Amino acid sequence: MPEAKILTDVPQELNLNRRKVIGTIGVGGLALVASSTPASAFFFKKKEKVDLSGLPATWVRMQGKNLEDYADYLAGLRLDRLTPRQVIDAHAKRRGSVWNSLPPKQYWRNMGPTLKAVDRVASHLGQPVKEIVSAYRSPAYNARCAGASRGSWHQANVAVDVKFPVRASSVASMARSLRSKGHFRGGVGRYYSFTHIDTRGQNVDW
């Protein structure tokens, strides 16, 4: 093709001159060029700050700096059909005198695959997530939840109970269909008003 021939016929001196120019500019010069280029030119999407206003003040104080850090982690997942705030809200609850908490830092990344599975379910349903009812549960809080087992996968930060603006039976059916296609491995539990989805690594239904 003519275009290819033009590229291969570039004089040797021009190629050498280009190398000299790059060598003269150096890494610092290239960094300066990059810094003066709008981020949009590199197709970077700015991570938005999560609005944490309106959360219970007592609970916020208990979480400390971990609250903003975990919110940033969730925002970094760049989910389409649910928000980091919906996940955070699921933690800011109490049963009697026992407050739930954010997961321990070493468990944070456990939630990523589960939220991505939920996001995929939402996309295939063509619906946004209405509410994350439950995500991580601390052992003390889990013990106060009616019907929760002592070995609940919520305590490992791999499970969510989620509501959509459609019947829970439709959500469970879609989740199981996507799971059968290999999109995730885990449990799908159908309840009257919500659906449980987890990524424990073993397929289980109830």
N, C-alpha and C. Protein backbone atom coordinates (compact mmCIF):
# COMPACT_ATOMS: atom_id res chain seq x y z
N MET A 1 0.84 -1.19 0.00
CA MET A 1 0.00 0.00 0.00
C MET A 1 0.88 1.24 0.00
N PRO A 2 0.44 2.35 -0.63
CA PRO A 2 1.25 3.57 -0.71
C PRO A 2 1.62 4.10 0.67
N GLU A 3 0.65 4.06 1.66
CA GLU A 3 0.94 4.61 2.98
C GLU A 3 2.09 3.86 3.63
N ALA A 4 2.10 2.54 3.51
CA ALA A 4 3.15 1.74 4.12
C ALA A 4 4.50 2.07 3.50
N LYS A 5 4.51 2.29 2.19
CA LYS A 5 5.76 2.58 1.48
C LYS A 5 6.34 3.91 1.95
N ILE A 6 5.44 4.89 2.15
CA ILE A 6 5.91 6.21 2.61
C ILE A 6 6.58 6.07 3.96
N LEU A 7 6.02 5.26 4.86
CA LEU A 7 6.59 5.10 6.19
C LEU A 7 7.93 4.40 6.14
N THR A 8 8.08 3.43 5.26
CA THR A 8 9.34 2.69 5.20
C THR A 8 10.41 3.46 4.47
N ASP A 9 10.01 4.50 3.68
CA ASP A 9 10.99 5.27 2.92
C ASP A 9 11.48 6.52 3.65
N VAL A 10 11.18 6.62 4.95
CA VAL A 10 11.65 7.77 5.71
C VAL A 10 13.16 7.74 5.75
N PRO A 11 13.83 8.84 5.38
CA PRO A 11 15.30 8.86 5.35
C PRO A 11 15.90 8.51 6.70
N GLN A 12 17.04 7.82 6.65
CA GLN A 12 17.74 7.39 7.86
C GLN A 12 18.11 8.58 8.74
N GLU A 13 18.48 9.73 8.09
CA GLU A 13 18.88 10.88 8.87
C GLU A 13 17.72 11.42 9.72
N LEU A 14 16.49 11.33 9.17
CA LEU A 14 15.34 11.83 9.91
C LEU A 14 15.09 10.98 11.15
N ASN A 15 15.21 9.66 10.99
CA ASN A 15 15.03 8.77 12.13
C ASN A 15 16.06 9.07 13.21
N LEU A 16 17.33 9.32 12.78
CA LEU A 16 18.40 9.63 13.73
C LEU A 16 18.11 10.94 14.44
N ASN A 17 17.61 11.93 13.67
CA ASN A 17 17.29 13.23 14.27
C ASN A 17 16.19 13.11 15.31
N ARG A 18 15.21 12.25 15.03
CA ARG A 18 14.13 12.06 15.99
C ARG A 18 14.67 11.48 17.29
N ARG A 19 15.59 10.53 17.16
CA ARG A 19 16.17 9.93 18.36
C ARG A 19 16.95 10.96 19.16
N LYS A 20 17.66 11.85 18.44
CA LYS A 20 18.43 12.90 19.12
C LYS A 20 17.52 13.86 19.87
N VAL A 21 16.38 14.19 19.23
CA VAL A 21 15.44 15.11 19.86
C VAL A 21 14.88 14.51 21.14
N ILE A 22 14.46 13.24 21.06
CA ILE A 22 13.91 12.57 22.24
C ILE A 22 14.97 12.48 23.33
N GLY A 23 16.21 12.17 22.92
CA GLY A 23 17.30 12.09 23.89
C GLY A 23 17.57 13.43 24.54
N THR A 24 17.45 14.51 23.77
CA THR A 24 17.68 15.85 24.30
C THR A 24 16.58 16.25 25.27
N ILE A 25 15.33 15.94 24.89
CA ILE A 25 14.21 16.29 25.77
C ILE A 25 14.29 15.51 27.07
N GLY A 26 14.57 14.23 26.96
CA GLY A 26 14.69 13.39 28.16
C GLY A 26 13.34 13.07 28.77
N VAL A 27 13.40 12.26 29.83
CA VAL A 27 12.17 11.82 30.48
C VAL A 27 11.43 12.99 31.10
N GLY A 28 12.19 13.93 31.69
CA GLY A 28 11.55 15.09 32.31
C GLY A 28 10.76 15.90 31.31
N GLY A 29 11.32 16.07 30.10
CA GLY A 29 10.62 16.83 29.07
C GLY A 29 9.36 16.14 28.62
N LEU A 30 9.45 14.83 28.47
CA LEU A 30 8.26 14.07 28.07
C LEU A 30 7.19 14.17 29.15
N ALA A 31 7.61 14.14 30.42
CA ALA A 31 6.64 14.27 31.51
C ALA A 31 5.97 15.63 31.48
N LEU A 32 6.76 16.68 31.12
CA LEU A 32 6.20 18.02 31.02
C LEU A 32 5.15 18.09 29.92
N VAL A 33 5.44 17.45 28.79
CA VAL A 33 4.46 17.41 27.70
C VAL A 33 3.19 16.72 28.15
N ALA A 34 3.38 15.59 28.85
CA ALA A 34 2.21 14.84 29.32
C ALA A 34 1.40 15.66 30.30
N SER A 35 2.10 16.42 31.18
CA SER A 35 1.37 17.18 32.19
C SER A 35 0.59 18.33 31.59
N SER A 36 0.99 18.79 30.41
CA SER A 36 0.27 19.90 29.78
C SER A 36 -0.84 19.43 28.86
N THR A 37 -0.99 18.11 28.76
CA THR A 37 -2.03 17.54 27.90
C THR A 37 -3.26 17.26 28.74
N PRO A 38 -4.45 17.66 28.30
CA PRO A 38 -5.67 17.38 29.07
C PRO A 38 -5.84 15.90 29.33
N ALA A 39 -6.32 15.56 30.53
CA ALA A 39 -6.51 14.15 30.89
C ALA A 39 -7.44 13.45 29.92
N SER A 40 -8.42 14.19 29.38
CA SER A 40 -9.37 13.57 28.46
C SER A 40 -8.69 13.02 27.22
N ALA A 41 -7.52 13.59 26.90
CA ALA A 41 -6.81 13.10 25.72
C ALA A 41 -6.28 11.70 25.93
N PHE A 42 -6.09 11.32 27.19
CA PHE A 42 -5.62 9.97 27.50
C PHE A 42 -6.76 9.05 27.88
N PHE A 43 -8.00 9.53 27.77
CA PHE A 43 -9.19 8.74 28.06
C PHE A 43 -9.24 8.30 29.52
N PHE A 44 -8.69 9.12 30.43
CA PHE A 44 -8.79 8.82 31.85
C PHE A 44 -10.13 9.32 32.36
N LYS A 45 -10.78 8.51 33.19
CA LYS A 45 -12.03 8.93 33.80
C LYS A 45 -11.76 9.27 35.26
N LYS A 46 -12.03 10.52 35.62
CA LYS A 46 -11.76 10.96 36.97
C LYS A 46 -12.67 10.24 37.95
N LYS A 47 -12.07 9.73 39.03
CA LYS A 47 -12.84 9.03 40.05
C LYS A 47 -13.56 10.05 40.92
N GLU A 48 -14.88 9.94 41.00
CA GLU A 48 -15.66 10.92 41.75
C GLU A 48 -15.59 10.62 43.24
N LYS A 49 -15.63 11.68 44.03
CA LYS A 49 -15.63 11.55 45.48
C LYS A 49 -17.01 11.11 45.93
N VAL A 50 -17.05 10.16 46.85
CA VAL A 50 -18.33 9.64 47.34
C VAL A 50 -18.90 10.59 48.38
N ASP A 51 -20.17 10.95 48.23
CA ASP A 51 -20.85 11.80 49.19
C ASP A 51 -21.22 10.97 50.43
N LEU A 52 -20.61 11.30 51.56
CA LEU A 52 -20.84 10.55 52.79
C LEU A 52 -21.67 11.33 53.79
N SER A 53 -22.31 12.39 53.35
CA SER A 53 -23.13 13.20 54.26
C SER A 53 -24.39 12.43 54.66
N GLY A 54 -24.87 12.75 55.87
CA GLY A 54 -26.13 12.16 56.32
C GLY A 54 -26.01 10.81 56.99
N LEU A 55 -24.82 10.25 57.06
CA LEU A 55 -24.62 8.98 57.76
C LEU A 55 -24.69 9.21 59.27
N PRO A 56 -25.07 8.19 60.05
CA PRO A 56 -25.14 8.37 61.51
C PRO A 56 -23.79 8.82 62.07
N ALA A 57 -23.80 9.93 62.80
CA ALA A 57 -22.56 10.52 63.30
C ALA A 57 -21.77 9.56 64.19
N THR A 58 -22.47 8.82 65.03
CA THR A 58 -21.79 7.87 65.92
C THR A 58 -21.07 6.81 65.12
N TRP A 59 -21.74 6.30 64.12
CA TRP A 59 -21.15 5.25 63.28
C TRP A 59 -19.96 5.80 62.51
N VAL A 60 -20.06 7.00 61.98
CA VAL A 60 -18.97 7.61 61.22
C VAL A 60 -17.73 7.74 62.10
N ARG A 61 -17.90 8.20 63.34
CA ARG A 61 -16.76 8.34 64.26
C ARG A 61 -16.11 6.99 64.53
N MET A 62 -16.89 5.95 64.62
CA MET A 62 -16.36 4.61 64.89
C MET A 62 -15.49 4.10 63.74
N GLN A 63 -15.79 4.50 62.50
CA GLN A 63 -15.05 3.99 61.34
C GLN A 63 -13.74 4.75 61.12
N GLY A 64 -13.68 6.01 61.53
CA GLY A 64 -12.47 6.80 61.35
C GLY A 64 -12.11 6.99 59.87
N LYS A 65 -10.81 7.01 59.59
CA LYS A 65 -10.33 7.25 58.23
C LYS A 65 -10.70 6.11 57.28
N ASN A 66 -10.97 4.93 57.81
CA ASN A 66 -11.32 3.79 56.96
C ASN A 66 -12.55 4.06 56.10
N LEU A 67 -13.43 4.94 56.58
CA LEU A 67 -14.66 5.21 55.85
C LEU A 67 -14.36 5.81 54.48
N GLU A 68 -13.57 6.87 54.45
CA GLU A 68 -13.24 7.50 53.16
C GLU A 68 -12.39 6.57 52.30
N ASP A 69 -11.49 5.83 52.91
CA ASP A 69 -10.63 4.93 52.15
C ASP A 69 -11.44 3.80 51.50
N TYR A 70 -12.40 3.25 52.25
CA TYR A 70 -13.22 2.17 51.69
C TYR A 70 -14.14 2.72 50.60
N ALA A 71 -14.66 3.92 50.82
CA ALA A 71 -15.50 4.56 49.79
C ALA A 71 -14.70 4.77 48.51
N ASP A 72 -13.43 5.17 48.65
CA ASP A 72 -12.57 5.34 47.47
C ASP A 72 -12.34 4.01 46.76
N TYR A 73 -12.14 2.94 47.55
CA TYR A 73 -11.96 1.61 46.94
C TYR A 73 -13.21 1.22 46.14
N LEU A 74 -14.37 1.42 46.72
CA LEU A 74 -15.62 1.07 46.03
C LEU A 74 -15.81 1.91 44.78
N ALA A 75 -15.47 3.20 44.86
CA ALA A 75 -15.59 4.07 43.69
C ALA A 75 -14.66 3.61 42.58
N GLY A 76 -13.50 3.07 42.96
CA GLY A 76 -12.53 2.58 41.98
C GLY A 76 -13.02 1.38 41.19
N LEU A 77 -14.05 0.71 41.66
CA LEU A 77 -14.61 -0.43 40.92
C LEU A 77 -15.39 0.02 39.70
N ARG A 78 -15.79 1.29 39.67
CA ARG A 78 -16.49 1.90 38.53
C ARG A 78 -17.69 1.08 38.07
N LEU A 79 -18.58 0.83 39.00
CA LEU A 79 -19.79 0.07 38.71
C LEU A 79 -20.83 0.97 38.04
N ASP A 80 -21.67 0.39 37.22
CA ASP A 80 -22.63 1.17 36.43
C ASP A 80 -24.01 1.28 37.07
N ARG A 81 -24.45 0.22 37.75
CA ARG A 81 -25.85 0.16 38.17
C ARG A 81 -26.05 0.25 39.68
N LEU A 82 -24.98 0.38 40.43
CA LEU A 82 -25.09 0.62 41.87
C LEU A 82 -23.98 1.57 42.28
N THR A 83 -24.19 2.24 43.40
CA THR A 83 -23.25 3.26 43.83
C THR A 83 -22.49 2.84 45.07
N PRO A 84 -21.30 3.41 45.28
CA PRO A 84 -20.56 3.14 46.52
C PRO A 84 -21.38 3.50 47.76
N ARG A 85 -22.16 4.58 47.66
CA ARG A 85 -22.95 5.00 48.82
C ARG A 85 -23.98 3.94 49.20
N GLN A 86 -24.56 3.24 48.21
CA GLN A 86 -25.51 2.18 48.53
C GLN A 86 -24.84 1.07 49.34
N VAL A 87 -23.59 0.78 49.02
CA VAL A 87 -22.85 -0.25 49.76
C VAL A 87 -22.52 0.25 51.17
N ILE A 88 -22.06 1.49 51.27
CA ILE A 88 -21.73 2.07 52.57
C ILE A 88 -22.96 2.08 53.48
N ASP A 89 -24.12 2.46 52.93
CA ASP A 89 -25.34 2.54 53.73
C ASP A 89 -25.69 1.19 54.37
N ALA A 90 -25.36 0.11 53.69
CA ALA A 90 -25.67 -1.23 54.21
C ALA A 90 -24.88 -1.53 55.49
N HIS A 91 -23.78 -0.82 55.71
CA HIS A 91 -22.95 -1.04 56.91
C HIS A 91 -23.37 -0.16 58.08
N ALA A 92 -23.97 0.99 57.79
CA ALA A 92 -24.26 1.99 58.82
C ALA A 92 -25.57 1.67 59.52
N LYS A 93 -25.64 0.50 60.12
CA LYS A 93 -26.86 0.03 60.78
C LYS A 93 -26.51 -0.56 62.14
N ARG A 94 -27.52 -0.65 62.99
CA ARG A 94 -27.31 -1.29 64.28
C ARG A 94 -28.51 -2.15 64.66
N ARG A 95 -28.23 -3.12 65.49
CA ARG A 95 -29.28 -3.98 66.06
C ARG A 95 -29.17 -3.82 67.57
N GLY A 96 -30.18 -3.20 68.15
CA GLY A 96 -30.10 -2.90 69.58
C GLY A 96 -28.94 -1.95 69.84
N SER A 97 -28.03 -2.34 70.70
CA SER A 97 -26.88 -1.50 71.03
C SER A 97 -25.65 -1.81 70.18
N VAL A 98 -25.77 -2.78 69.26
CA VAL A 98 -24.61 -3.23 68.47
C VAL A 98 -24.62 -2.61 67.08
N TRP A 99 -23.62 -1.79 66.81
CA TRP A 99 -23.45 -1.22 65.47
C TRP A 99 -22.71 -2.20 64.58
N ASN A 100 -23.09 -2.24 63.32
CA ASN A 100 -22.28 -2.94 62.33
C ASN A 100 -21.06 -2.07 62.03
N SER A 101 -20.13 -2.59 61.23
CA SER A 101 -18.93 -1.82 60.90
C SER A 101 -18.52 -2.10 59.47
N LEU A 102 -17.57 -1.33 58.99
CA LEU A 102 -16.94 -1.67 57.71
C LEU A 102 -16.11 -2.93 57.90
N PRO A 103 -15.81 -3.63 56.80
CA PRO A 103 -15.00 -4.84 56.93
C PRO A 103 -13.56 -4.50 57.31
N PRO A 104 -12.84 -5.44 57.92
CA PRO A 104 -11.41 -5.24 58.15
C PRO A 104 -10.70 -5.01 56.81
N LYS A 105 -9.64 -4.24 56.84
CA LYS A 105 -8.97 -3.82 55.61
C LYS A 105 -8.55 -5.00 54.75
N GLN A 106 -8.13 -6.10 55.37
CA GLN A 106 -7.67 -7.25 54.59
C GLN A 106 -8.81 -7.94 53.84
N TYR A 107 -10.07 -7.58 54.16
CA TYR A 107 -11.23 -8.16 53.49
C TYR A 107 -11.79 -7.26 52.39
N TRP A 108 -11.27 -6.06 52.25
CA TRP A 108 -11.89 -5.10 51.33
C TRP A 108 -12.04 -5.65 49.92
N ARG A 109 -10.98 -6.22 49.37
CA ARG A 109 -11.01 -6.68 47.98
C ARG A 109 -11.93 -7.87 47.76
N ASN A 110 -12.34 -8.54 48.83
CA ASN A 110 -13.27 -9.67 48.69
C ASN A 110 -14.60 -9.24 48.07
N MET A 111 -14.99 -7.98 48.32
CA MET A 111 -16.30 -7.52 47.88
C MET A 111 -16.35 -7.20 46.38
N GLY A 112 -15.21 -6.91 45.77
CA GLY A 112 -15.19 -6.53 44.36
C GLY A 112 -15.89 -7.50 43.44
N PRO A 113 -15.53 -8.79 43.44
CA PRO A 113 -16.18 -9.75 42.54
C PRO A 113 -17.69 -9.86 42.76
N THR A 114 -18.13 -9.75 44.02
CA THR A 114 -19.56 -9.84 44.30
C THR A 114 -20.31 -8.64 43.75
N LEU A 115 -19.77 -7.44 43.96
CA LEU A 115 -20.44 -6.25 43.44
C LEU A 115 -20.45 -6.24 41.92
N LYS A 116 -19.40 -6.77 41.31
CA LYS A 116 -19.37 -6.84 39.85
C LYS A 116 -20.41 -7.85 39.34
N ALA A 117 -20.62 -8.92 40.10
CA ALA A 117 -21.65 -9.89 39.73
C ALA A 117 -23.04 -9.24 39.83
N VAL A 118 -23.27 -8.48 40.89
CA VAL A 118 -24.55 -7.78 41.07
C VAL A 118 -24.74 -6.76 39.95
N ASP A 119 -23.68 -6.06 39.61
CA ASP A 119 -23.74 -5.06 38.55
C ASP A 119 -24.09 -5.71 37.21
N ARG A 120 -23.55 -6.89 36.97
CA ARG A 120 -23.85 -7.61 35.73
C ARG A 120 -25.31 -8.07 35.71
N VAL A 121 -25.79 -8.54 36.86
CA VAL A 121 -27.20 -8.93 36.96
C VAL A 121 -28.09 -7.72 36.64
N ALA A 122 -27.75 -6.58 37.23
CA ALA A 122 -28.53 -5.35 37.00
C ALA A 122 -28.53 -4.97 35.53
N SER A 123 -27.37 -5.08 34.89
CA SER A 123 -27.26 -4.73 33.48
C SER A 123 -28.15 -5.63 32.62
N HIS A 124 -28.15 -6.92 32.90
CA HIS A 124 -28.95 -7.85 32.11
C HIS A 124 -30.45 -7.72 32.41
N LEU A 125 -30.77 -7.27 33.62
CA LEU A 125 -32.18 -7.02 33.94
C LEU A 125 -32.64 -5.69 33.35
N GLY A 126 -31.67 -4.81 33.05
CA GLY A 126 -32.00 -3.48 32.58
C GLY A 126 -32.57 -2.62 33.69
N GLN A 127 -32.10 -2.88 34.93
CA GLN A 127 -32.63 -2.19 36.10
C GLN A 127 -31.48 -1.71 36.98
N PRO A 128 -31.67 -0.59 37.68
CA PRO A 128 -30.68 -0.18 38.68
C PRO A 128 -30.88 -0.98 39.96
N VAL A 129 -29.87 -1.00 40.80
CA VAL A 129 -30.03 -1.60 42.11
C VAL A 129 -30.86 -0.66 42.97
N LYS A 130 -31.89 -1.19 43.59
CA LYS A 130 -32.75 -0.37 44.45
C LYS A 130 -32.12 -0.16 45.82
N GLU A 131 -31.58 -1.24 46.39
CA GLU A 131 -30.98 -1.15 47.73
C GLU A 131 -30.06 -2.33 47.98
N ILE A 132 -28.91 -2.05 48.59
CA ILE A 132 -28.09 -3.11 49.16
C ILE A 132 -28.54 -3.24 50.61
N VAL A 133 -29.26 -4.30 50.91
CA VAL A 133 -29.83 -4.49 52.25
C VAL A 133 -28.74 -4.83 53.24
N SER A 134 -27.82 -5.68 52.82
CA SER A 134 -26.76 -6.15 53.71
C SER A 134 -25.53 -6.49 52.89
N ALA A 135 -24.36 -6.13 53.41
CA ALA A 135 -23.09 -6.50 52.77
C ALA A 135 -22.24 -7.17 53.84
N TYR A 136 -21.13 -6.55 54.22
CA TYR A 136 -20.34 -7.11 55.33
C TYR A 136 -21.12 -7.00 56.64
N ARG A 137 -21.00 -8.05 57.46
CA ARG A 137 -21.54 -8.00 58.82
C ARG A 137 -20.43 -8.40 59.79
N SER A 138 -20.19 -7.58 60.77
CA SER A 138 -19.23 -7.96 61.82
C SER A 138 -19.82 -9.14 62.59
N PRO A 139 -18.97 -9.98 63.19
CA PRO A 139 -19.50 -11.13 63.94
C PRO A 139 -20.52 -10.74 65.00
N ALA A 140 -20.26 -9.65 65.74
CA ALA A 140 -21.19 -9.23 66.79
C ALA A 140 -22.53 -8.80 66.20
N TYR A 141 -22.47 -8.08 65.08
CA TYR A 141 -23.71 -7.63 64.44
C TYR A 141 -24.43 -8.81 63.81
N ASN A 142 -23.68 -9.71 63.18
CA ASN A 142 -24.28 -10.88 62.54
C ASN A 142 -25.06 -11.72 63.55
N ALA A 143 -24.54 -11.80 64.78
CA ALA A 143 -25.19 -12.59 65.83
C ALA A 143 -26.54 -12.00 66.21
N ARG A 144 -26.75 -10.72 65.90
CA ARG A 144 -28.02 -10.06 66.22
C ARG A 144 -29.03 -10.14 65.07
N CYS A 145 -28.60 -10.64 63.92
CA CYS A 145 -29.48 -10.70 62.75
C CYS A 145 -30.29 -11.99 62.76
N ALA A 146 -31.59 -11.87 62.77
CA ALA A 146 -32.47 -13.04 62.81
C ALA A 146 -32.24 -13.93 61.60
N GLY A 147 -32.04 -15.20 61.84
CA GLY A 147 -31.88 -16.16 60.75
C GLY A 147 -30.48 -16.26 60.19
N ALA A 148 -29.56 -15.40 60.63
CA ALA A 148 -28.19 -15.44 60.10
C ALA A 148 -27.41 -16.58 60.75
N SER A 149 -26.69 -17.33 59.94
CA SER A 149 -25.90 -18.43 60.48
C SER A 149 -24.59 -17.91 61.07
N ARG A 150 -24.03 -18.67 61.98
CA ARG A 150 -22.78 -18.26 62.62
C ARG A 150 -21.64 -18.17 61.60
N GLY A 151 -21.70 -19.00 60.57
CA GLY A 151 -20.66 -18.99 59.53
C GLY A 151 -21.07 -18.22 58.29
N SER A 152 -21.92 -17.21 58.44
CA SER A 152 -22.42 -16.44 57.30
C SER A 152 -21.29 -15.89 56.45
N TRP A 153 -21.47 -15.97 55.13
CA TRP A 153 -20.47 -15.44 54.20
C TRP A 153 -20.43 -13.92 54.20
N HIS A 154 -21.43 -13.30 54.80
CA HIS A 154 -21.39 -11.84 54.96
C HIS A 154 -20.18 -11.44 55.82
N GLN A 155 -19.79 -12.29 56.74
CA GLN A 155 -18.67 -11.98 57.62
C GLN A 155 -17.32 -12.03 56.91
N ALA A 156 -17.29 -12.66 55.73
CA ALA A 156 -16.07 -12.70 54.92
C ALA A 156 -16.06 -11.61 53.86
N ASN A 157 -17.10 -10.77 53.85
CA ASN A 157 -17.23 -9.67 52.89
C ASN A 157 -17.28 -10.16 51.44
N VAL A 158 -17.97 -11.28 51.22
CA VAL A 158 -18.15 -11.78 49.85
C VAL A 158 -19.63 -11.88 49.48
N ALA A 159 -20.52 -11.39 50.35
CA ALA A 159 -21.96 -11.59 50.13
C ALA A 159 -22.73 -10.28 50.25
N VAL A 160 -23.79 -10.17 49.46
CA VAL A 160 -24.74 -9.06 49.60
C VAL A 160 -26.16 -9.58 49.51
N ASP A 161 -27.05 -8.91 50.21
CA ASP A 161 -28.48 -9.08 50.02
C ASP A 161 -28.93 -7.83 49.28
N VAL A 162 -29.59 -8.02 48.15
CA VAL A 162 -29.86 -6.90 47.26
C VAL A 162 -31.31 -6.87 46.80
N LYS A 163 -31.84 -5.65 46.67
CA LYS A 163 -33.20 -5.45 46.15
C LYS A 163 -33.13 -4.74 44.81
N PHE A 164 -34.00 -5.17 43.90
CA PHE A 164 -34.19 -4.51 42.61
C PHE A 164 -35.67 -4.11 42.49
N PRO A 165 -35.98 -3.18 41.59
CA PRO A 165 -37.39 -2.81 41.38
C PRO A 165 -38.13 -3.84 40.53
N VAL A 166 -37.77 -5.11 40.67
CA VAL A 166 -38.48 -6.22 40.03
C VAL A 166 -38.58 -7.34 41.05
N ARG A 167 -39.33 -8.37 40.74
CA ARG A 167 -39.52 -9.47 41.68
C ARG A 167 -38.21 -10.19 41.98
N ALA A 168 -38.04 -10.58 43.24
CA ALA A 168 -36.82 -11.27 43.66
C ALA A 168 -36.63 -12.57 42.89
N SER A 169 -37.70 -13.21 42.49
CA SER A 169 -37.60 -14.45 41.72
C SER A 169 -36.93 -14.20 40.37
N SER A 170 -37.21 -13.05 39.76
CA SER A 170 -36.58 -12.70 38.48
C SER A 170 -35.10 -12.43 38.66
N VAL A 171 -34.75 -11.79 39.78
CA VAL A 171 -33.35 -11.49 40.06
C VAL A 171 -32.57 -12.79 40.27
N ALA A 172 -33.12 -13.68 41.09
CA ALA A 172 -32.45 -14.95 41.37
C ALA A 172 -32.27 -15.75 40.08
N SER A 173 -33.29 -15.77 39.24
CA SER A 173 -33.22 -16.50 37.98
C SER A 173 -32.12 -15.95 37.08
N MET A 174 -32.01 -14.62 36.99
CA MET A 174 -30.98 -14.01 36.17
C MET A 174 -29.59 -14.28 36.75
N ALA A 175 -29.46 -14.19 38.07
CA ALA A 175 -28.17 -14.44 38.71
C ALA A 175 -27.71 -15.87 38.44
N ARG A 176 -28.62 -16.83 38.52
CA ARG A 176 -28.26 -18.23 38.28
C ARG A 176 -27.91 -18.47 36.81
N SER A 177 -28.61 -17.77 35.92
CA SER A 177 -28.31 -17.90 34.50
C SER A 177 -26.90 -17.39 34.19
N LEU A 178 -26.55 -16.24 34.74
CA LEU A 178 -25.21 -15.68 34.51
C LEU A 178 -24.14 -16.55 35.15
N ARG A 179 -24.46 -17.09 36.31
CA ARG A 179 -23.51 -17.99 36.98
C ARG A 179 -23.26 -19.24 36.16
N SER A 180 -24.31 -19.78 35.53
CA SER A 180 -24.16 -20.99 34.71
C SER A 180 -23.29 -20.74 33.49
N LYS A 181 -23.17 -19.47 33.10
CA LYS A 181 -22.32 -19.10 31.96
C LYS A 181 -20.90 -18.77 32.39
N GLY A 182 -20.62 -18.96 33.68
CA GLY A 182 -19.27 -18.78 34.17
C GLY A 182 -18.89 -17.38 34.59
N HIS A 183 -19.86 -16.48 34.79
CA HIS A 183 -19.54 -15.11 35.16
C HIS A 183 -19.11 -14.98 36.62
N PHE A 184 -19.54 -15.91 37.45
CA PHE A 184 -19.08 -15.95 38.84
C PHE A 184 -19.39 -17.32 39.42
N ARG A 185 -18.78 -17.61 40.56
CA ARG A 185 -19.07 -18.86 41.27
C ARG A 185 -19.45 -18.50 42.69
N GLY A 186 -20.62 -18.96 43.10
CA GLY A 186 -21.04 -18.63 44.47
C GLY A 186 -22.48 -19.01 44.73
N GLY A 187 -23.02 -18.43 45.79
CA GLY A 187 -24.37 -18.74 46.21
C GLY A 187 -25.40 -17.74 45.71
N VAL A 188 -26.59 -18.26 45.41
CA VAL A 188 -27.73 -17.41 45.06
C VAL A 188 -28.91 -17.89 45.91
N GLY A 189 -29.39 -17.00 46.76
CA GLY A 189 -30.52 -17.33 47.62
C GLY A 189 -31.70 -16.42 47.34
N ARG A 190 -32.84 -17.01 47.14
CA ARG A 190 -34.06 -16.23 46.83
C ARG A 190 -34.90 -16.07 48.09
N TYR A 191 -35.20 -14.83 48.41
CA TYR A 191 -36.07 -14.52 49.53
C TYR A 191 -37.28 -13.75 49.00
N TYR A 192 -38.21 -13.44 49.88
CA TYR A 192 -39.45 -12.81 49.43
C TYR A 192 -39.19 -11.43 48.81
N SER A 193 -38.37 -10.60 49.48
CA SER A 193 -38.21 -9.23 49.02
C SER A 193 -36.80 -8.88 48.55
N PHE A 194 -35.86 -9.81 48.68
CA PHE A 194 -34.49 -9.54 48.25
C PHE A 194 -33.82 -10.82 47.79
N THR A 195 -32.65 -10.67 47.21
CA THR A 195 -31.87 -11.81 46.71
C THR A 195 -30.49 -11.78 47.32
N HIS A 196 -30.03 -12.93 47.75
CA HIS A 196 -28.67 -13.05 48.27
C HIS A 196 -27.76 -13.50 47.12
N ILE A 197 -26.62 -12.82 46.96
CA ILE A 197 -25.62 -13.20 45.96
C ILE A 197 -24.25 -13.16 46.62
N ASP A 198 -23.48 -14.23 46.48
CA ASP A 198 -22.13 -14.23 47.02
C ASP A 198 -21.16 -14.89 46.04
N THR A 199 -19.88 -14.71 46.27
CA THR A 199 -18.85 -15.28 45.40
C THR A 199 -17.89 -16.13 46.24
N ARG A 200 -18.46 -17.09 46.94
CA ARG A 200 -17.68 -17.96 47.82
C ARG A 200 -16.78 -18.92 47.05
N GLY A 201 -17.04 -19.10 45.73
CA GLY A 201 -16.23 -20.00 44.94
C GLY A 201 -16.86 -21.35 44.70
N GLN A 202 -18.02 -21.58 45.31
CA GLN A 202 -18.74 -22.85 45.14
C GLN A 202 -20.21 -22.53 44.89
N ASN A 203 -20.82 -23.14 43.90
CA ASN A 203 -22.20 -22.83 43.55
C ASN A 203 -23.20 -23.51 44.50
N VAL A 204 -24.06 -22.69 45.10
CA VAL A 204 -25.07 -23.16 46.05
C VAL A 204 -26.35 -22.39 45.80
N ASP A 205 -27.49 -23.06 45.90
CA ASP A 205 -28.78 -22.40 45.74
C ASP A 205 -29.68 -22.68 46.94
N TRP A 206 -30.53 -21.73 47.25
CA TRP A 206 -31.58 -21.96 48.23
C TRP A 206 -32.73 -20.99 47.99
